[in-house]
């Protein structure tokens, strides 16, 4: 509250007090005037205390908001908020880095358009069910990059509810999607699968040699 606002409130309070005692003005003695002045001073102090408390609360809220923004924007995983049809509404810096700064349509960019064709088709087909009940569900896909390479990602999500008296039962407006780069993990999986396949082929080869040796 500004100084002008405080003074305006004080004037209004004084006007109300005087209005209620208009018929007594002619008979007010020094003690009554002193009491009225003290009452106005007390009210002014109350307003100043309330103003200080409000200022502290606003500062605390601003700090909390900035902490949340930084947590969202600088998280080690990509975040994107999608609407009910899969259009990107917000995203963090990590996600933008993951897609190597690819330009996103200002009119609304479909998340599926960032995926490889086969993965994009699968994502669109599953999105309605994914949006309805995302918990416990995971989608693995590939993100092609401007460099010509692609990265493997794990997509998970949870609901982000709109403003309501009860945040837990309020209307579901958006989906908070987590995009985790699992390229190294997928590479390790493929290498492991190749090693297992190679071992199986060698096992078959050795078995065949043993069978040949027995027949000789």
N, C-alpha and C. Protein backbone atom coordinates (compact mmCIF):
# COMPACT_ATOMS: atom_id res chain seq x y z
N UNK A 1 0.85 -1.19 0.00
CA UNK A 1 0.00 0.00 0.00
C UNK A 1 0.89 1.24 0.00
N UNK A 2 0.58 2.20 -0.89
CA UNK A 2 1.39 3.41 -0.99
C UNK A 2 1.05 4.38 0.14
N UNK A 3 1.92 5.38 0.28
CA UNK A 3 1.69 6.40 1.31
C UNK A 3 0.39 7.14 1.05
N UNK A 4 0.10 7.42 -0.23
CA UNK A 4 -1.14 8.12 -0.58
C UNK A 4 -2.37 7.30 -0.20
N UNK A 5 -2.27 6.00 -0.42
CA UNK A 5 -3.39 5.12 -0.06
C UNK A 5 -3.63 5.13 1.45
N UNK A 6 -2.53 5.09 2.21
CA UNK A 6 -2.66 5.11 3.67
C UNK A 6 -3.32 6.41 4.14
N UNK A 7 -2.87 7.51 3.57
CA UNK A 7 -3.43 8.80 3.97
C UNK A 7 -4.91 8.90 3.58
N UNK A 8 -5.24 8.35 2.43
CA UNK A 8 -6.63 8.37 1.99
C UNK A 8 -7.50 7.57 2.95
N UNK A 9 -7.01 6.39 3.36
CA UNK A 9 -7.76 5.56 4.31
C UNK A 9 -7.90 6.28 5.65
N UNK A 10 -6.83 6.93 6.06
CA UNK A 10 -6.87 7.66 7.32
C UNK A 10 -7.89 8.80 7.25
N UNK A 11 -7.93 9.53 6.14
CA UNK A 11 -8.90 10.61 5.97
C UNK A 11 -10.33 10.06 6.00
N UNK A 12 -10.51 8.89 5.32
CA UNK A 12 -11.84 8.28 5.32
C UNK A 12 -12.27 7.88 6.72
N UNK A 13 -11.30 7.31 7.46
CA UNK A 13 -11.60 6.92 8.83
C UNK A 13 -11.97 8.13 9.68
N UNK A 14 -11.20 9.20 9.51
CA UNK A 14 -11.49 10.42 10.26
C UNK A 14 -12.86 10.97 9.90
N UNK A 15 -13.17 10.95 8.60
CA UNK A 15 -14.46 11.45 8.14
C UNK A 15 -15.59 10.64 8.73
N UNK A 16 -15.42 9.31 8.82
CA UNK A 16 -16.44 8.45 9.39
C UNK A 16 -16.64 8.73 10.88
N UNK A 17 -15.50 8.88 11.56
CA UNK A 17 -15.59 9.16 13.00
C UNK A 17 -16.27 10.50 13.26
N UNK A 18 -15.87 11.50 12.49
CA UNK A 18 -16.47 12.82 12.67
C UNK A 18 -17.93 12.84 12.26
N UNK A 19 -18.26 12.08 11.20
CA UNK A 19 -19.64 12.02 10.75
C UNK A 19 -20.53 11.42 11.83
N UNK A 20 -20.01 10.40 12.51
CA UNK A 20 -20.79 9.76 13.56
C UNK A 20 -20.94 10.63 14.80
N UNK A 21 -20.09 11.64 14.87
CA UNK A 21 -20.14 12.52 16.04
C UNK A 21 -20.47 13.97 15.65
N UNK A 22 -21.08 14.12 14.49
CA UNK A 22 -21.36 15.47 13.99
C UNK A 22 -22.18 16.28 14.98
N UNK A 23 -23.13 15.60 15.64
CA UNK A 23 -23.99 16.34 16.56
C UNK A 23 -23.27 16.67 17.87
N UNK A 24 -22.04 16.10 18.03
CA UNK A 24 -21.30 16.35 19.25
C UNK A 24 -20.14 17.33 19.07
N UNK A 25 -19.92 17.75 17.81
CA UNK A 25 -18.75 18.59 17.54
C UNK A 25 -18.74 19.86 18.37
N UNK A 26 -19.93 20.46 18.52
CA UNK A 26 -19.97 21.73 19.24
C UNK A 26 -19.68 21.56 20.73
N UNK A 27 -19.87 20.33 21.20
CA UNK A 27 -19.69 20.12 22.63
C UNK A 27 -18.40 19.38 22.97
N UNK A 28 -17.55 19.10 21.95
CA UNK A 28 -16.30 18.39 22.20
C UNK A 28 -15.36 19.25 23.03
N UNK A 29 -14.85 18.67 24.09
CA UNK A 29 -13.87 19.38 24.87
C UNK A 29 -12.48 18.90 24.49
N UNK A 30 -11.47 19.40 25.13
CA UNK A 30 -10.09 19.03 24.80
C UNK A 30 -9.82 17.55 24.98
N UNK A 31 -10.42 16.97 26.01
CA UNK A 31 -10.18 15.54 26.26
C UNK A 31 -10.77 14.69 25.14
N UNK A 32 -11.99 15.05 24.68
CA UNK A 32 -12.61 14.30 23.58
C UNK A 32 -11.81 14.42 22.29
N UNK A 33 -11.32 15.64 22.06
CA UNK A 33 -10.50 15.86 20.86
C UNK A 33 -9.21 15.04 20.95
N UNK A 34 -8.62 15.00 22.15
CA UNK A 34 -7.40 14.22 22.36
C UNK A 34 -7.67 12.74 22.14
N UNK A 35 -8.80 12.24 22.66
CA UNK A 35 -9.16 10.83 22.48
C UNK A 35 -9.36 10.50 21.01
N UNK A 36 -10.04 11.41 20.28
CA UNK A 36 -10.27 11.20 18.86
C UNK A 36 -8.96 11.16 18.10
N UNK A 37 -8.05 12.07 18.44
CA UNK A 37 -6.76 12.11 17.78
C UNK A 37 -5.96 10.84 18.05
N UNK A 38 -6.00 10.36 19.30
CA UNK A 38 -5.29 9.12 19.64
C UNK A 38 -5.88 7.92 18.90
N UNK A 39 -7.20 7.92 18.76
CA UNK A 39 -7.86 6.82 18.03
C UNK A 39 -7.41 6.80 16.58
N UNK A 40 -7.29 7.98 15.99
CA UNK A 40 -6.84 8.07 14.60
C UNK A 40 -5.38 7.64 14.48
N UNK A 41 -4.56 8.01 15.47
CA UNK A 41 -3.16 7.60 15.43
C UNK A 41 -3.02 6.09 15.53
N UNK A 42 -3.81 5.48 16.43
CA UNK A 42 -3.78 4.02 16.57
C UNK A 42 -4.18 3.35 15.27
N UNK A 43 -5.22 3.90 14.64
CA UNK A 43 -5.67 3.32 13.37
C UNK A 43 -4.58 3.45 12.31
N UNK A 44 -3.87 4.58 12.32
CA UNK A 44 -2.78 4.76 11.36
C UNK A 44 -1.67 3.74 11.60
N UNK A 45 -1.33 3.50 12.86
CA UNK A 45 -0.30 2.50 13.18
C UNK A 45 -0.74 1.11 12.73
N UNK A 46 -2.03 0.79 12.94
CA UNK A 46 -2.55 -0.51 12.51
C UNK A 46 -2.41 -0.67 11.00
N UNK A 47 -2.72 0.41 10.27
CA UNK A 47 -2.59 0.36 8.82
C UNK A 47 -1.14 0.15 8.40
N UNK A 48 -0.22 0.82 9.09
CA UNK A 48 1.20 0.68 8.75
C UNK A 48 1.69 -0.74 9.02
N UNK A 49 1.23 -1.34 10.14
CA UNK A 49 1.61 -2.73 10.46
C UNK A 49 1.06 -3.68 9.41
N UNK A 50 -0.21 -3.49 9.04
CA UNK A 50 -0.82 -4.33 8.01
C UNK A 50 -0.09 -4.18 6.68
N UNK A 51 0.33 -2.96 6.39
CA UNK A 51 1.06 -2.72 5.14
C UNK A 51 2.40 -3.44 5.14
N UNK A 52 3.11 -3.42 6.29
CA UNK A 52 4.39 -4.11 6.40
C UNK A 52 4.21 -5.62 6.26
N UNK A 53 3.17 -6.15 6.89
CA UNK A 53 2.89 -7.59 6.80
C UNK A 53 2.56 -7.99 5.36
N UNK A 54 1.78 -7.17 4.68
CA UNK A 54 1.43 -7.44 3.30
C UNK A 54 2.66 -7.40 2.40
N UNK A 55 3.53 -6.43 2.65
CA UNK A 55 4.77 -6.32 1.86
C UNK A 55 5.64 -7.55 2.05
N UNK A 56 5.78 -8.01 3.31
CA UNK A 56 6.58 -9.21 3.57
C UNK A 56 5.97 -10.44 2.90
N UNK A 57 4.65 -10.54 2.94
CA UNK A 57 3.98 -11.68 2.31
C UNK A 57 4.19 -11.67 0.80
N UNK A 58 4.11 -10.47 0.20
CA UNK A 58 4.31 -10.35 -1.24
C UNK A 58 5.74 -10.73 -1.63
N UNK A 59 6.71 -10.31 -0.81
CA UNK A 59 8.11 -10.65 -1.08
C UNK A 59 8.32 -12.16 -0.97
N UNK A 60 7.70 -12.77 0.05
CA UNK A 60 7.82 -14.22 0.25
C UNK A 60 7.22 -14.97 -0.94
N UNK A 61 6.06 -14.50 -1.41
CA UNK A 61 5.42 -15.13 -2.56
C UNK A 61 6.28 -14.99 -3.82
N UNK A 62 6.92 -13.83 -3.98
CA UNK A 62 7.76 -13.60 -5.15
C UNK A 62 8.99 -14.51 -5.11
N UNK A 63 9.57 -14.68 -3.91
CA UNK A 63 10.72 -15.58 -3.78
C UNK A 63 10.31 -17.01 -4.11
N UNK A 64 9.16 -17.44 -3.59
CA UNK A 64 8.66 -18.80 -3.86
C UNK A 64 8.40 -18.99 -5.35
N UNK A 65 7.83 -17.96 -5.98
CA UNK A 65 7.55 -18.05 -7.42
C UNK A 65 8.83 -18.18 -8.22
N UNK A 66 9.84 -17.39 -7.88
CA UNK A 66 11.10 -17.44 -8.60
C UNK A 66 11.80 -18.78 -8.39
N UNK A 67 11.69 -19.33 -7.17
CA UNK A 67 12.28 -20.64 -6.90
C UNK A 67 11.61 -21.70 -7.76
N UNK A 68 10.29 -21.63 -7.88
CA UNK A 68 9.56 -22.59 -8.70
C UNK A 68 9.94 -22.44 -10.18
N UNK A 69 10.02 -21.20 -10.64
CA UNK A 69 10.39 -20.96 -12.04
C UNK A 69 11.78 -21.51 -12.34
N UNK A 70 12.73 -21.26 -11.43
CA UNK A 70 14.09 -21.76 -11.63
C UNK A 70 14.14 -23.28 -11.59
N UNK A 71 13.35 -23.87 -10.67
CA UNK A 71 13.31 -25.32 -10.57
C UNK A 71 12.77 -25.93 -11.86
N UNK A 72 11.73 -25.32 -12.41
CA UNK A 72 11.13 -25.80 -13.65
C UNK A 72 12.07 -25.60 -14.82
N UNK A 73 12.64 -24.40 -14.92
CA UNK A 73 13.41 -24.06 -16.11
C UNK A 73 14.79 -24.71 -16.13
N UNK A 74 15.40 -24.91 -14.97
CA UNK A 74 16.76 -25.41 -14.92
C UNK A 74 16.85 -26.86 -14.45
N UNK A 75 15.73 -27.57 -14.47
CA UNK A 75 15.74 -28.98 -14.07
C UNK A 75 16.64 -29.79 -15.00
N UNK A 76 17.23 -30.89 -14.51
CA UNK A 76 18.12 -31.70 -15.35
C UNK A 76 17.40 -32.54 -16.40
N UNK A 77 16.06 -32.50 -16.40
CA UNK A 77 15.28 -33.21 -17.41
C UNK A 77 14.41 -32.19 -18.15
N UNK A 78 13.96 -32.60 -19.34
CA UNK A 78 13.11 -31.71 -20.10
C UNK A 78 11.68 -31.72 -19.58
N UNK A 79 11.07 -30.55 -19.53
CA UNK A 79 9.67 -30.43 -19.14
C UNK A 79 8.90 -29.75 -20.27
N UNK A 80 7.68 -30.25 -20.51
CA UNK A 80 6.79 -29.58 -21.45
C UNK A 80 5.37 -29.74 -20.92
N UNK A 81 4.60 -28.67 -20.98
CA UNK A 81 3.20 -28.72 -20.57
C UNK A 81 2.35 -28.79 -21.83
N UNK A 82 1.55 -29.87 -21.93
CA UNK A 82 0.72 -30.10 -23.11
C UNK A 82 -0.75 -29.94 -22.77
N UNK A 83 -1.52 -29.48 -23.75
CA UNK A 83 -2.97 -29.39 -23.53
C UNK A 83 -3.62 -30.73 -23.88
N UNK A 84 -4.93 -30.76 -23.91
CA UNK A 84 -5.66 -32.02 -24.07
C UNK A 84 -5.47 -32.67 -25.44
N UNK A 85 -4.97 -31.91 -26.42
CA UNK A 85 -4.75 -32.50 -27.75
C UNK A 85 -3.26 -32.61 -28.09
N UNK A 86 -2.41 -32.38 -27.10
CA UNK A 86 -0.97 -32.58 -27.31
C UNK A 86 -0.21 -31.39 -27.84
N UNK A 87 -0.78 -30.19 -27.72
CA UNK A 87 -0.09 -28.97 -28.15
C UNK A 87 0.77 -28.45 -27.01
N UNK A 88 2.00 -28.08 -27.32
CA UNK A 88 2.93 -27.57 -26.31
C UNK A 88 2.51 -26.15 -25.89
N UNK A 89 2.31 -25.96 -24.59
CA UNK A 89 1.95 -24.65 -24.06
C UNK A 89 3.17 -23.97 -23.42
N UNK A 90 3.95 -24.74 -22.67
CA UNK A 90 5.15 -24.23 -22.03
C UNK A 90 6.24 -25.30 -22.09
N UNK A 91 7.48 -24.87 -21.96
CA UNK A 91 8.59 -25.83 -21.91
C UNK A 91 9.75 -25.16 -21.21
N UNK A 92 10.69 -25.98 -20.73
CA UNK A 92 11.83 -25.39 -20.02
C UNK A 92 13.07 -25.36 -20.91
N UNK A 93 14.11 -24.73 -20.40
CA UNK A 93 15.35 -24.55 -21.17
C UNK A 93 16.00 -25.89 -21.48
N UNK A 94 15.89 -26.84 -20.55
CA UNK A 94 16.50 -28.15 -20.77
C UNK A 94 15.89 -28.83 -21.99
N UNK A 95 14.57 -28.74 -22.13
CA UNK A 95 13.91 -29.35 -23.28
C UNK A 95 14.35 -28.66 -24.57
N UNK A 96 14.47 -27.35 -24.53
CA UNK A 96 14.90 -26.61 -25.72
C UNK A 96 16.32 -27.01 -26.11
N UNK A 97 17.17 -27.24 -25.10
CA UNK A 97 18.53 -27.71 -25.38
C UNK A 97 18.51 -29.11 -25.99
N UNK A 98 17.60 -29.96 -25.51
CA UNK A 98 17.51 -31.33 -26.01
C UNK A 98 17.18 -31.36 -27.50
N UNK A 99 16.31 -30.46 -27.94
CA UNK A 99 15.93 -30.44 -29.35
C UNK A 99 16.80 -29.48 -30.15
N UNK A 100 17.91 -29.06 -29.51
CA UNK A 100 18.91 -28.20 -30.15
C UNK A 100 18.30 -26.90 -30.70
N UNK A 101 17.40 -26.34 -29.91
CA UNK A 101 16.84 -25.03 -30.25
C UNK A 101 15.98 -25.00 -31.50
N UNK A 102 15.38 -26.13 -31.86
CA UNK A 102 14.50 -26.13 -33.03
C UNK A 102 13.36 -25.12 -32.82
N UNK A 103 13.04 -24.34 -33.84
CA UNK A 103 11.96 -23.36 -33.69
C UNK A 103 10.61 -24.05 -33.50
N UNK A 104 9.85 -23.58 -32.52
CA UNK A 104 8.52 -24.11 -32.26
C UNK A 104 7.48 -23.10 -32.73
N UNK A 105 6.43 -23.58 -33.33
CA UNK A 105 5.40 -22.69 -33.86
C UNK A 105 4.79 -21.85 -32.75
N UNK A 106 4.74 -20.54 -32.97
CA UNK A 106 4.17 -19.64 -31.97
C UNK A 106 2.66 -19.85 -31.84
N UNK A 107 2.03 -20.37 -32.87
CA UNK A 107 0.60 -20.61 -32.85
C UNK A 107 0.24 -21.89 -32.10
N UNK A 108 1.26 -22.67 -31.74
CA UNK A 108 1.02 -23.93 -31.04
C UNK A 108 1.66 -25.08 -31.78
N UNK A 109 2.64 -25.72 -31.16
CA UNK A 109 3.39 -26.79 -31.81
C UNK A 109 2.99 -28.13 -31.21
N UNK A 110 2.60 -29.07 -32.04
CA UNK A 110 2.22 -30.40 -31.56
C UNK A 110 3.48 -31.14 -31.10
N UNK A 111 3.44 -31.71 -29.91
CA UNK A 111 4.59 -32.42 -29.38
C UNK A 111 4.97 -33.59 -30.29
N UNK A 112 3.97 -34.27 -30.84
CA UNK A 112 4.22 -35.43 -31.70
C UNK A 112 5.03 -35.06 -32.93
N UNK A 113 4.92 -33.80 -33.39
CA UNK A 113 5.66 -33.38 -34.59
C UNK A 113 7.17 -33.36 -34.37
N UNK A 114 7.60 -33.41 -33.11
CA UNK A 114 9.03 -33.42 -32.82
C UNK A 114 9.62 -34.83 -32.85
N UNK A 115 8.75 -35.85 -32.88
CA UNK A 115 9.20 -37.23 -32.83
C UNK A 115 9.40 -37.81 -34.22
N UNK A 116 10.13 -38.92 -34.27
CA UNK A 116 10.26 -39.63 -35.54
C UNK A 116 8.89 -40.11 -36.00
N UNK A 117 8.73 -40.29 -37.31
CA UNK A 117 7.41 -40.56 -37.89
C UNK A 117 6.69 -41.72 -37.20
N UNK A 118 7.33 -42.84 -37.06
CA UNK A 118 6.67 -44.00 -36.45
C UNK A 118 6.30 -43.72 -35.01
N UNK A 119 7.20 -43.08 -34.27
CA UNK A 119 6.94 -42.75 -32.88
C UNK A 119 5.85 -41.69 -32.77
N UNK A 120 5.83 -40.74 -33.71
CA UNK A 120 4.81 -39.69 -33.70
C UNK A 120 3.43 -40.30 -33.90
N UNK A 121 3.31 -41.24 -34.83
CA UNK A 121 2.01 -41.90 -35.08
C UNK A 121 1.56 -42.67 -33.84
N UNK A 122 2.49 -43.37 -33.19
CA UNK A 122 2.15 -44.13 -32.00
C UNK A 122 1.75 -43.19 -30.85
N UNK A 123 2.45 -42.06 -30.73
CA UNK A 123 2.15 -41.10 -29.66
C UNK A 123 0.75 -40.53 -29.85
N UNK A 124 0.42 -40.16 -31.08
CA UNK A 124 -0.92 -39.62 -31.34
C UNK A 124 -2.00 -40.65 -31.03
N UNK A 125 -1.73 -41.89 -31.39
CA UNK A 125 -2.72 -42.95 -31.17
C UNK A 125 -2.95 -43.20 -29.68
N UNK A 126 -1.91 -43.02 -28.88
CA UNK A 126 -2.00 -43.31 -27.45
C UNK A 126 -2.33 -42.09 -26.60
N UNK A 127 -2.29 -40.89 -27.19
CA UNK A 127 -2.31 -39.69 -26.37
C UNK A 127 -3.60 -39.52 -25.58
N UNK A 128 -4.73 -39.84 -26.15
CA UNK A 128 -6.00 -39.66 -25.44
C UNK A 128 -6.00 -40.46 -24.14
N UNK A 129 -5.59 -41.72 -24.21
CA UNK A 129 -5.52 -42.57 -23.02
C UNK A 129 -4.41 -42.10 -22.09
N UNK A 130 -3.30 -41.66 -22.66
CA UNK A 130 -2.17 -41.18 -21.88
C UNK A 130 -2.57 -39.93 -21.09
N UNK A 131 -3.32 -39.04 -21.72
CA UNK A 131 -3.77 -37.81 -21.08
C UNK A 131 -4.74 -38.12 -19.95
N UNK A 132 -5.60 -39.09 -20.18
CA UNK A 132 -6.62 -39.43 -19.19
C UNK A 132 -6.02 -40.04 -17.92
N UNK A 133 -5.13 -41.01 -18.10
CA UNK A 133 -4.51 -41.68 -16.94
C UNK A 133 -3.00 -41.85 -17.21
N UNK A 134 -2.22 -40.83 -16.94
CA UNK A 134 -0.78 -40.88 -17.26
C UNK A 134 0.07 -41.63 -16.25
N UNK A 135 -0.35 -41.68 -15.00
CA UNK A 135 0.50 -42.27 -13.96
C UNK A 135 0.78 -43.74 -14.23
N UNK A 136 2.06 -44.09 -14.11
CA UNK A 136 2.48 -45.47 -14.32
C UNK A 136 2.74 -45.83 -15.77
N UNK A 137 2.48 -44.88 -16.68
CA UNK A 137 2.69 -45.15 -18.11
C UNK A 137 3.98 -44.49 -18.59
N UNK A 138 4.65 -45.16 -19.51
CA UNK A 138 5.88 -44.64 -20.09
C UNK A 138 5.85 -44.83 -21.60
N UNK A 139 6.41 -43.87 -22.29
CA UNK A 139 6.51 -43.95 -23.75
C UNK A 139 7.97 -43.73 -24.13
N UNK A 140 8.54 -44.64 -24.88
CA UNK A 140 9.90 -44.46 -25.40
C UNK A 140 9.81 -44.05 -26.86
N UNK A 141 10.60 -43.05 -27.23
CA UNK A 141 10.55 -42.54 -28.59
C UNK A 141 11.90 -41.95 -28.96
N UNK A 142 12.00 -41.53 -30.22
CA UNK A 142 13.23 -40.89 -30.69
C UNK A 142 12.92 -39.48 -31.18
N UNK A 143 13.84 -38.57 -30.81
CA UNK A 143 13.74 -37.18 -31.24
C UNK A 143 14.81 -36.91 -32.30
N UNK A 144 14.42 -36.70 -33.55
CA UNK A 144 15.42 -36.34 -34.56
C UNK A 144 15.90 -34.91 -34.34
N UNK A 145 17.18 -34.68 -34.56
CA UNK A 145 17.77 -33.37 -34.31
C UNK A 145 18.22 -32.71 -35.60
N UNK A 146 18.36 -31.38 -35.60
CA UNK A 146 18.82 -30.67 -36.80
C UNK A 146 20.20 -31.14 -37.26
N UNK A 147 20.99 -31.68 -36.34
CA UNK A 147 22.33 -32.15 -36.69
C UNK A 147 22.30 -33.42 -37.53
N UNK A 148 21.12 -34.03 -37.63
CA UNK A 148 21.01 -35.28 -38.39
C UNK A 148 20.99 -36.51 -37.50
N UNK A 149 21.40 -36.34 -36.26
CA UNK A 149 21.35 -37.43 -35.30
C UNK A 149 19.99 -37.47 -34.63
N UNK A 150 19.81 -38.39 -33.73
CA UNK A 150 18.57 -38.45 -32.95
C UNK A 150 18.92 -38.92 -31.55
N UNK A 151 18.05 -38.61 -30.61
CA UNK A 151 18.25 -39.07 -29.24
C UNK A 151 17.04 -39.90 -28.82
N UNK A 152 17.31 -40.87 -27.95
CA UNK A 152 16.23 -41.68 -27.39
C UNK A 152 15.72 -40.99 -26.13
N UNK A 153 14.41 -40.93 -25.97
CA UNK A 153 13.83 -40.27 -24.81
C UNK A 153 12.77 -41.15 -24.16
N UNK A 154 12.64 -40.97 -22.86
CA UNK A 154 11.58 -41.62 -22.09
C UNK A 154 10.59 -40.53 -21.69
N UNK A 155 9.32 -40.76 -22.04
CA UNK A 155 8.28 -39.76 -21.79
C UNK A 155 7.35 -40.25 -20.67
N UNK A 156 7.26 -39.45 -19.63
CA UNK A 156 6.34 -39.73 -18.52
C UNK A 156 5.55 -38.46 -18.25
N UNK A 157 4.44 -38.59 -17.51
CA UNK A 157 3.61 -37.39 -17.30
C UNK A 157 2.76 -37.52 -16.05
N UNK A 158 2.26 -36.37 -15.64
CA UNK A 158 1.25 -36.32 -14.57
C UNK A 158 0.36 -35.12 -14.85
N UNK A 159 -0.83 -35.12 -14.27
CA UNK A 159 -1.78 -34.06 -14.53
C UNK A 159 -1.36 -32.75 -13.86
N UNK A 160 -1.68 -31.67 -14.52
CA UNK A 160 -1.53 -30.34 -13.94
C UNK A 160 -2.92 -29.74 -13.92
N UNK A 161 -3.46 -29.58 -12.72
CA UNK A 161 -4.84 -29.12 -12.61
C UNK A 161 -4.93 -27.61 -12.66
N UNK A 162 -6.09 -27.14 -13.10
CA UNK A 162 -6.33 -25.71 -13.16
C UNK A 162 -6.71 -25.18 -11.80
N UNK A 163 -6.94 -23.87 -11.72
CA UNK A 163 -7.31 -23.25 -10.46
C UNK A 163 -8.69 -23.72 -10.03
N UNK A 164 -8.77 -24.16 -8.80
CA UNK A 164 -10.04 -24.61 -8.25
C UNK A 164 -9.97 -24.54 -6.74
N UNK A 165 -11.12 -24.58 -6.09
CA UNK A 165 -11.12 -24.55 -4.64
C UNK A 165 -10.38 -25.76 -4.09
N UNK A 166 -10.55 -26.89 -4.74
CA UNK A 166 -9.85 -28.10 -4.32
C UNK A 166 -8.92 -28.51 -5.45
N UNK A 167 -7.62 -28.28 -5.27
CA UNK A 167 -6.64 -28.54 -6.33
C UNK A 167 -6.60 -30.01 -6.72
N UNK A 168 -7.00 -30.91 -5.77
CA UNK A 168 -6.92 -32.34 -6.04
C UNK A 168 -8.09 -32.81 -6.90
N UNK A 169 -9.19 -32.10 -6.86
CA UNK A 169 -10.36 -32.53 -7.62
C UNK A 169 -10.79 -31.51 -8.66
N UNK A 170 -9.98 -30.48 -8.83
CA UNK A 170 -10.30 -29.46 -9.82
C UNK A 170 -10.20 -30.00 -11.23
N UNK A 171 -10.67 -29.24 -12.20
CA UNK A 171 -10.66 -29.71 -13.59
C UNK A 171 -9.24 -29.91 -14.11
N UNK A 172 -9.05 -30.97 -14.88
CA UNK A 172 -7.74 -31.26 -15.47
C UNK A 172 -7.59 -30.44 -16.75
N UNK A 173 -6.64 -29.54 -16.76
CA UNK A 173 -6.44 -28.67 -17.93
C UNK A 173 -5.26 -29.10 -18.78
N UNK A 174 -4.17 -29.51 -18.14
CA UNK A 174 -2.94 -29.75 -18.87
C UNK A 174 -2.24 -31.01 -18.38
N UNK A 175 -1.21 -31.40 -19.13
CA UNK A 175 -0.40 -32.55 -18.79
C UNK A 175 1.05 -32.09 -18.67
N UNK A 176 1.65 -32.31 -17.51
CA UNK A 176 3.07 -31.99 -17.32
C UNK A 176 3.88 -33.20 -17.76
N UNK A 177 4.63 -33.04 -18.84
CA UNK A 177 5.36 -34.16 -19.44
C UNK A 177 6.85 -34.03 -19.10
N UNK A 178 7.43 -35.13 -18.65
CA UNK A 178 8.86 -35.20 -18.38
C UNK A 178 9.53 -35.95 -19.52
N UNK A 179 10.57 -35.34 -20.11
CA UNK A 179 11.30 -35.95 -21.23
C UNK A 179 12.73 -36.20 -20.77
N UNK A 180 13.08 -37.46 -20.62
CA UNK A 180 14.41 -37.84 -20.13
C UNK A 180 15.24 -38.43 -21.25
N UNK A 181 16.44 -37.94 -21.42
CA UNK A 181 17.35 -38.47 -22.44
C UNK A 181 17.90 -39.82 -21.97
N UNK A 182 17.53 -40.90 -22.69
CA UNK A 182 18.00 -42.24 -22.33
C UNK A 182 18.85 -42.82 -23.46
N UNK A 183 19.48 -41.96 -24.24
CA UNK A 183 20.28 -42.41 -25.38
C UNK A 183 21.39 -43.37 -24.93
N UNK A 184 22.10 -43.00 -23.88
CA UNK A 184 23.19 -43.87 -23.38
C UNK A 184 22.63 -45.20 -22.88
N UNK A 185 21.50 -45.15 -22.20
CA UNK A 185 20.89 -46.38 -21.70
C UNK A 185 20.46 -47.28 -22.85
N UNK A 186 19.85 -46.70 -23.87
CA UNK A 186 19.41 -47.49 -25.02
C UNK A 186 20.61 -48.07 -25.76
N UNK A 187 21.68 -47.29 -25.85
CA UNK A 187 22.90 -47.80 -26.50
C UNK A 187 23.44 -49.00 -25.72
N UNK A 188 23.45 -48.88 -24.39
CA UNK A 188 23.93 -49.99 -23.55
C UNK A 188 23.03 -51.22 -23.73
N UNK A 189 21.73 -50.98 -23.83
CA UNK A 189 20.80 -52.10 -24.04
C UNK A 189 21.08 -52.80 -25.36
N UNK A 190 21.27 -51.99 -26.41
CA UNK A 190 21.52 -52.59 -27.73
C UNK A 190 22.84 -53.36 -27.74
N UNK A 191 23.85 -52.80 -27.09
CA UNK A 191 25.12 -53.50 -27.01
C UNK A 191 24.98 -54.81 -26.23
N UNK A 192 24.20 -54.77 -25.17
CA UNK A 192 23.97 -55.98 -24.38
C UNK A 192 23.23 -57.03 -25.20
N UNK A 193 22.22 -56.58 -25.95
CA UNK A 193 21.46 -57.51 -26.79
C UNK A 193 22.34 -58.13 -27.87
N UNK A 194 23.24 -57.31 -28.44
CA UNK A 194 24.16 -57.84 -29.45
C UNK A 194 25.10 -58.88 -28.84
N UNK A 195 25.57 -58.59 -27.61
CA UNK A 195 26.47 -59.53 -26.95
C UNK A 195 25.76 -60.84 -26.65
N UNK A 196 24.52 -60.75 -26.20
CA UNK A 196 23.73 -61.96 -25.91
C UNK A 196 23.49 -62.76 -27.18
N UNK A 197 23.14 -62.05 -28.27
CA UNK A 197 22.91 -62.72 -29.54
C UNK A 197 24.17 -63.39 -30.05
N UNK A 198 25.32 -62.70 -29.88
CA UNK A 198 26.60 -63.28 -30.31
C UNK A 198 26.92 -64.54 -29.51
N UNK A 199 26.64 -64.50 -28.20
CA UNK A 199 26.89 -65.66 -27.36
C UNK A 199 26.01 -66.84 -27.78
N UNK A 200 24.77 -66.55 -28.11
CA UNK A 200 23.87 -67.61 -28.56
C UNK A 200 24.34 -68.24 -29.86
N UNK A 201 24.79 -67.37 -30.78
CA UNK A 201 25.28 -67.88 -32.07
C UNK A 201 26.52 -68.76 -31.88
N UNK A 202 27.41 -68.32 -30.95
CA UNK A 202 28.61 -69.12 -30.68
C UNK A 202 28.24 -70.44 -30.01
N UNK A 203 27.22 -70.37 -29.16
CA UNK A 203 26.76 -71.59 -28.49
C UNK A 203 26.22 -72.59 -29.50
N UNK A 204 25.46 -72.08 -30.45
CA UNK A 204 24.93 -72.95 -31.52
C UNK A 204 26.07 -73.52 -32.34
N UNK A 205 27.07 -72.68 -32.65
CA UNK A 205 28.22 -73.14 -33.44
C UNK A 205 29.01 -74.22 -32.70
N UNK A 206 29.24 -74.00 -31.41
CA UNK A 206 29.97 -74.99 -30.61
C UNK A 206 29.18 -76.29 -30.52
N UNK A 207 27.87 -76.17 -30.32
CA UNK A 207 27.03 -77.36 -30.24
C UNK A 207 27.10 -78.16 -31.54
N UNK A 208 27.09 -77.44 -32.67
CA UNK A 208 27.18 -78.12 -33.97
C UNK A 208 28.51 -78.82 -34.13
N UNK A 209 29.60 -78.15 -33.68
CA UNK A 209 30.93 -78.77 -33.76
C UNK A 209 31.01 -80.03 -32.89
N UNK A 210 30.41 -79.96 -31.71
CA UNK A 210 30.42 -81.13 -30.83
C UNK A 210 29.63 -82.29 -31.44
N UNK A 211 28.52 -81.97 -32.03
CA UNK A 211 27.71 -83.01 -32.69
C UNK A 211 28.49 -83.62 -33.85
N UNK A 212 29.21 -82.77 -34.59
CA UNK A 212 30.02 -83.30 -35.70
C UNK A 212 31.15 -84.20 -35.20
N UNK A 213 31.75 -83.76 -34.07
CA UNK A 213 32.84 -84.55 -33.49
C UNK A 213 32.34 -85.92 -33.01
N UNK A 214 31.14 -85.93 -32.41
CA UNK A 214 30.60 -87.19 -31.95
C UNK A 214 30.32 -88.15 -33.10
N UNK A 215 29.83 -87.57 -34.20
CA UNK A 215 29.50 -88.44 -35.36
C UNK A 215 30.76 -89.03 -35.99
N UNK A 216 31.86 -88.30 -35.88
CA UNK A 216 33.13 -88.83 -36.42
C UNK A 216 33.67 -89.91 -35.50
